[in-house]
Each structure stands twice: as structure tokens, then as C-alpha cells.
Amino acid sequence: AVEISSRPAVEALRMQGESWWRTAIGYVARSMRRTLAADAGIRLTGALYLVATAAFLGVGVQPDAADWAVMVDRNRTGLFLQPWAVVVPALLIAALSMGTNLLFDAALQRHTPRKGATR
């Protein structure tokens, strides 16, 4: 944010008398949205894995809850008999994380103009 807030455009906005909020939200935050979306995706992935790990360990979630991590925990004893009962919920957790990150990326691509594109 320091690099963006020290650009000549921000100095011009200050010289024109624009408010701090308009400069911060209108220019600086809009310029940082790609970085913020990437950071949000990483944090969401970390939060999903943290909640799944806590549920797997039995912390915070009822043992009979309909949760993917609880499904993995309950079915791990029969891993060699029926591996899909463990693999499918684990893949669903990973797919939710990756899918959310891909949606963030697609939304940013849609709102970012291409270089050389004319309107």
C-alpha cells in the first residue's frame, strides 16, 4: 500500500482537496484489489483447513455432525476396506478451497481491462 499511496496520482488527488476516504478507497484500495483477493483466497484456504483439522480432532464440532472432516475421522478406521469413504470428503474439502480461489481469479479477470483493448 505504501508504494501505491506514494504515486503521483495520489499526490494529485491530495492537491485537488479530495478526502482521505475517497483517496484511500477510491484509488489505493481499488489498485490493491488483486493483492487483497489473492490474500483472501489464501486466508480462506487456511481457515478451511484449520476448521477441518479441528473437526477431525473433535474440537468444536459435535461428533455426529454432518461435516466432511468428521466423515474422514469416522471412516479412517475402515480406510483399507472402503477408501472412498475417506477420500471423497477429503477431496471435497480441497475442491471447495480450490474452487473458491478460482472464482476469485475469474472475478478479477472479468473486472480487469486487457492491455490494448478498446472500449
Protein backbone atom coordinates (compact mmCIF):
# COMPACT_ATOMS: atom_id res chain seq x y z
CA ALA A 1 0.00 0.00 0.00
CA VAL A 2 2.95 2.33 0.63
CA GLU A 3 4.09 2.09 -2.99
CA ILE A 4 0.61 2.82 -4.33
CA SER A 5 -0.07 5.64 -1.87
CA SER A 6 3.12 7.43 -2.90
CA ARG A 7 2.26 7.55 -6.61
CA PRO A 8 1.80 10.88 -8.38
CA ALA A 9 -1.93 10.19 -8.83
CA VAL A 10 -2.43 10.12 -5.05
CA GLU A 11 -0.46 13.34 -4.69
CA ALA A 12 -2.67 14.92 -7.37
CA LEU A 13 -5.80 13.79 -5.51
CA ARG A 14 -4.47 15.34 -2.31
CA MET A 15 -3.66 18.60 -4.09
CA GLN A 16 -7.19 18.71 -5.50
CA GLY A 17 -8.55 18.51 -1.97
CA GLU A 18 -10.06 15.04 -2.16
CA SER A 19 -10.96 13.48 1.17
CA TRP A 20 -8.83 10.81 2.78
CA TRP A 21 -11.60 8.22 2.34
CA ARG A 22 -12.00 8.91 -1.35
CA THR A 23 -8.27 8.65 -1.89
CA ALA A 24 -7.87 5.53 0.26
CA ILE A 25 -10.92 3.64 -1.00
CA GLY A 26 -11.30 5.09 -4.46
CA TYR A 27 -7.73 4.79 -5.62
CA VAL A 28 -5.48 2.87 -3.23
CA ALA A 29 -7.88 0.02 -2.36
CA ARG A 30 -9.01 -0.32 -5.96
CA SER A 31 -5.38 -0.58 -7.05
CA MET A 32 -4.74 -3.25 -4.43
CA ARG A 33 -7.78 -5.44 -5.12
CA ARG A 34 -5.78 -8.16 -6.94
CA THR A 35 -3.42 -8.47 -3.99
CA LEU A 36 -6.28 -8.39 -1.48
CA ALA A 37 -8.23 -11.06 -3.41
CA ALA A 38 -5.17 -13.33 -3.56
CA ASP A 39 -4.61 -12.83 0.16
CA ALA A 40 -8.29 -13.53 0.88
CA GLY A 41 -8.06 -16.77 -1.09
CA ILE A 42 -5.00 -17.90 0.86
CA ARG A 43 -6.63 -16.98 4.16
CA LEU A 44 -9.85 -18.78 3.20
CA THR A 45 -7.87 -21.91 2.35
CA GLY A 46 -6.07 -21.73 5.68
CA ALA A 47 -9.34 -21.22 7.54
CA LEU A 48 -10.97 -24.18 5.78
CA TYR A 49 -8.07 -26.47 6.62
CA LEU A 50 -7.97 -25.19 10.21
CA VAL A 51 -11.69 -25.87 10.70
CA ALA A 52 -11.37 -29.27 9.01
CA THR A 53 -8.41 -30.18 11.21
CA ALA A 54 -10.23 -29.06 14.35
CA ALA A 55 -13.30 -31.08 13.36
CA PHE A 56 -11.09 -34.10 12.60
CA LEU A 57 -9.57 -33.83 16.06
CA GLY A 58 -13.02 -33.46 17.62
CA VAL A 59 -12.61 -29.86 18.76
CA GLY A 60 -15.64 -27.59 18.38
CA VAL A 61 -17.87 -29.87 16.30
CA GLN A 62 -20.35 -32.42 17.58
CA PRO A 63 -19.20 -36.00 16.88
CA ASP A 64 -22.39 -36.74 14.96
CA ALA A 65 -22.31 -33.57 12.85
CA ALA A 66 -22.64 -33.75 9.07
CA ASP A 67 -19.17 -32.37 8.42
CA TRP A 68 -16.61 -33.55 5.86
CA ALA A 69 -13.80 -33.66 8.42
CA VAL A 70 -15.97 -35.66 10.82
CA MET A 71 -16.70 -38.07 7.94
CA VAL A 72 -12.98 -38.52 7.39
CA ASP A 73 -12.44 -39.10 11.10
CA ARG A 74 -15.27 -41.61 11.47
CA ASN A 75 -14.27 -43.60 8.38
CA ARG A 76 -10.49 -43.69 8.83
CA THR A 77 -10.62 -47.00 10.69
CA GLY A 78 -12.06 -48.65 7.59
CA LEU A 79 -9.65 -46.93 5.20
CA PHE A 80 -8.40 -50.18 3.71
CA LEU A 81 -11.88 -51.68 3.41
CA GLN A 82 -13.63 -48.70 1.83
CA PRO A 83 -11.12 -45.94 0.91
CA TRP A 84 -13.70 -43.78 -0.89
CA ALA A 85 -15.41 -43.00 2.42
CA VAL A 86 -12.26 -41.09 3.40
CA VAL A 87 -11.01 -39.92 0.00
CA VAL A 88 -14.23 -38.27 -1.20
CA PRO A 89 -14.73 -35.90 1.80
CA ALA A 90 -11.02 -35.01 1.73
CA LEU A 91 -11.24 -34.24 -2.00
CA LEU A 92 -14.38 -32.17 -1.40
CA ILE A 93 -12.54 -30.01 1.15
CA ALA A 94 -9.72 -29.46 -1.36
CA ALA A 95 -12.19 -28.79 -4.19
CA LEU A 96 -14.04 -26.18 -2.11
CA SER A 97 -10.78 -24.39 -1.39
CA MET A 98 -9.54 -24.50 -4.98
CA GLY A 99 -12.95 -23.63 -6.41
CA THR A 100 -13.25 -20.55 -4.24
CA ASN A 101 -9.79 -19.39 -5.28
CA LEU A 102 -10.65 -19.95 -8.95
CA LEU A 103 -13.84 -17.92 -8.53
CA PHE A 104 -11.80 -15.05 -7.04
CA ASP A 105 -9.42 -15.26 -10.00
CA ALA A 106 -12.26 -15.32 -12.53
CA ALA A 107 -13.95 -12.32 -10.91
CA LEU A 108 -10.70 -10.36 -11.04
CA GLN A 109 -10.10 -11.30 -14.68
CA ARG A 110 -13.60 -10.14 -15.59
CA HIS A 111 -13.14 -6.71 -13.98
CA THR A 112 -9.58 -6.10 -15.18
CA PRO A 113 -9.33 -4.49 -18.63
CA ARG A 114 -6.92 -6.16 -21.03
CA LYS A 115 -3.96 -4.27 -22.36
CA GLY A 116 -4.64 -2.89 -25.80
CA ALA A 117 -8.38 -3.48 -25.52
CA THR A 118 -10.66 -0.70 -26.73
CA ARG A 119 -13.98 0.13 -25.17
